[in-house]
Amino acid sequence: MYQGLTLDPYLENHRTGFLLLDADADGKITQGDLDLHMQLEAGQQRTYAVNLVLSYDLDGDGAVTEDEIRTVFRYNHRLDIGRATIGADGREQALRNEIRTIMALDTPGDPIT
């Protein structure tokens, strides 16, 4: 709210918010709208995870190896490595974490392998 605000712009702002919340555009906000928002968010999260894993698949065979993760890690952190801004121990821990994370996302039998 701000000084000089009139009813029409105030209502229009809230109308827009209502329309965004009304996921199925039926004029009501219900549990179904919340469920639809959650399903769409989950789909977007899956898409992000698939894209992330595939960015490590350097040979394009649909599977990610630890060697590929190491190569991508070194590439992504080449400035840090060159400037020695992260110590070797910290870098090795970060690499182990990245390997664990990516390998957990790239599980056998999932749609991307």
Protein backbone atom coordinates (compact mmCIF):
# COMPACT_ATOMS: atom_id res chain seq x y z
CA MET A 1 0.00 0.00 0.00
CA TYR A 2 1.19 3.48 -0.74
CA GLN A 3 -0.14 6.98 -0.51
CA GLY A 4 -2.44 7.84 -3.38
CA LEU A 5 -3.36 4.23 -4.14
CA THR A 6 -6.93 3.96 -5.39
CA LEU A 7 -9.27 1.01 -5.23
CA ASP A 8 -9.09 -0.01 -8.89
CA PRO A 9 -5.31 -0.59 -9.07
CA TYR A 10 -5.40 -2.25 -5.66
CA LEU A 11 -8.12 -4.67 -6.76
CA GLU A 12 -6.42 -5.30 -10.10
CA ASN A 13 -3.20 -6.26 -8.33
CA HIS A 14 -5.06 -8.73 -6.12
CA ARG A 15 -7.10 -10.01 -9.06
CA THR A 16 -3.87 -10.88 -10.85
CA GLY A 17 -2.63 -12.74 -7.79
CA PHE A 18 -5.92 -14.63 -7.56
CA LEU A 19 -5.72 -15.60 -11.24
CA LEU A 20 -2.20 -16.92 -10.74
CA LEU A 21 -3.30 -19.01 -7.77
CA ASP A 22 -6.35 -20.37 -9.63
CA ALA A 23 -4.29 -22.98 -11.49
CA ASP A 24 -7.22 -24.62 -13.29
CA ALA A 25 -8.87 -21.26 -14.10
CA ASP A 26 -12.27 -22.31 -12.73
CA GLY A 27 -12.77 -19.11 -10.73
CA LYS A 28 -12.11 -20.79 -7.35
CA ILE A 29 -8.99 -21.52 -5.36
CA THR A 30 -9.20 -25.10 -4.12
CA GLN A 31 -6.98 -27.95 -2.98
CA GLY A 32 -6.94 -29.03 -6.63
CA ASP A 33 -5.19 -25.77 -7.52
CA LEU A 34 -2.55 -26.37 -4.86
CA ASP A 35 -2.09 -29.95 -6.04
CA LEU A 36 -1.67 -28.79 -9.65
CA HIS A 37 0.91 -26.19 -8.62
CA MET A 38 2.80 -28.88 -6.70
CA GLN A 39 2.70 -31.32 -9.65
CA LEU A 40 4.01 -28.69 -12.03
CA GLU A 41 6.78 -27.72 -9.61
CA ALA A 42 7.76 -31.38 -9.23
CA GLY A 43 7.93 -31.72 -13.02
CA GLN A 44 10.16 -28.67 -13.25
CA GLN A 45 12.43 -30.09 -10.53
CA ARG A 46 12.71 -33.40 -12.42
CA THR A 47 13.54 -31.54 -15.62
CA TYR A 48 16.27 -29.61 -13.81
CA ALA A 49 17.74 -32.82 -12.35
CA VAL A 50 17.74 -34.57 -15.75
CA ASN A 51 19.40 -31.59 -17.43
CA LEU A 52 21.97 -31.38 -14.66
CA VAL A 53 22.90 -35.06 -14.95
CA LEU A 54 23.01 -34.94 -18.75
CA SER A 55 25.43 -32.00 -18.59
CA TYR A 56 27.95 -34.46 -17.07
CA ASP A 57 27.41 -37.11 -19.77
CA LEU A 58 30.37 -36.03 -21.89
CA ASP A 59 30.35 -39.01 -24.26
CA GLY A 60 26.56 -38.93 -24.75
CA ASP A 61 26.01 -42.58 -23.85
CA GLY A 62 23.18 -41.80 -21.40
CA ALA A 63 25.19 -42.66 -18.29
CA VAL A 64 27.51 -40.59 -16.14
CA THR A 65 30.79 -41.95 -14.81
CA GLU A 66 32.95 -40.67 -11.97
CA ASP A 67 35.63 -39.76 -14.52
CA GLU A 68 33.14 -37.57 -16.38
CA ILE A 69 32.13 -35.87 -13.13
CA ARG A 70 35.81 -35.27 -12.29
CA THR A 71 36.40 -33.75 -15.73
CA VAL A 72 33.37 -31.45 -15.49
CA PHE A 73 34.27 -30.51 -11.92
CA ARG A 74 37.81 -29.54 -12.94
CA TYR A 75 36.40 -27.56 -15.86
CA ASN A 76 33.81 -25.75 -13.73
CA HIS A 77 36.35 -24.94 -11.03
CA ARG A 78 39.36 -24.17 -13.23
CA LEU A 79 39.62 -20.59 -11.96
CA ASP A 80 39.55 -21.72 -8.33
CA ILE A 81 42.14 -24.40 -9.07
CA GLY A 82 44.38 -22.04 -11.04
CA ARG A 83 44.24 -19.35 -8.36
CA ALA A 84 44.39 -21.87 -5.52
CA THR A 85 41.45 -20.12 -3.85
CA ILE A 86 40.30 -23.46 -2.44
CA GLY A 87 42.80 -25.73 -0.75
CA ALA A 88 43.37 -29.24 -2.04
CA ASP A 89 41.48 -30.77 0.89
CA GLY A 90 38.47 -28.51 0.35
CA ARG A 91 38.51 -29.15 -3.38
CA GLU A 92 38.67 -32.92 -2.86
CA GLN A 93 35.75 -32.78 -0.41
CA ALA A 94 33.73 -30.67 -2.87
CA LEU A 95 34.53 -33.16 -5.64
CA ARG A 96 33.42 -36.12 -3.47
CA ASN A 97 30.18 -34.29 -2.68
CA GLU A 98 29.57 -33.58 -6.35
CA ILE A 99 30.26 -37.20 -7.33
CA ARG A 100 27.86 -38.44 -4.63
CA THR A 101 25.14 -35.97 -5.68
CA ILE A 102 25.35 -36.62 -9.42
CA MET A 103 25.66 -40.39 -9.07
CA ALA A 104 22.59 -40.40 -6.81
CA LEU A 105 20.61 -38.55 -9.48
CA ASP A 106 21.82 -40.87 -12.26
CA THR A 107 20.37 -44.11 -10.95
CA PRO A 108 20.16 -47.30 -13.03
CA GLY A 109 16.75 -47.84 -14.59
CA ASP A 110 15.78 -44.18 -14.57
CA PRO A 111 14.56 -42.56 -17.80
CA ILE A 112 17.89 -40.93 -18.64
CA THR A 113 20.08 -44.03 -18.63
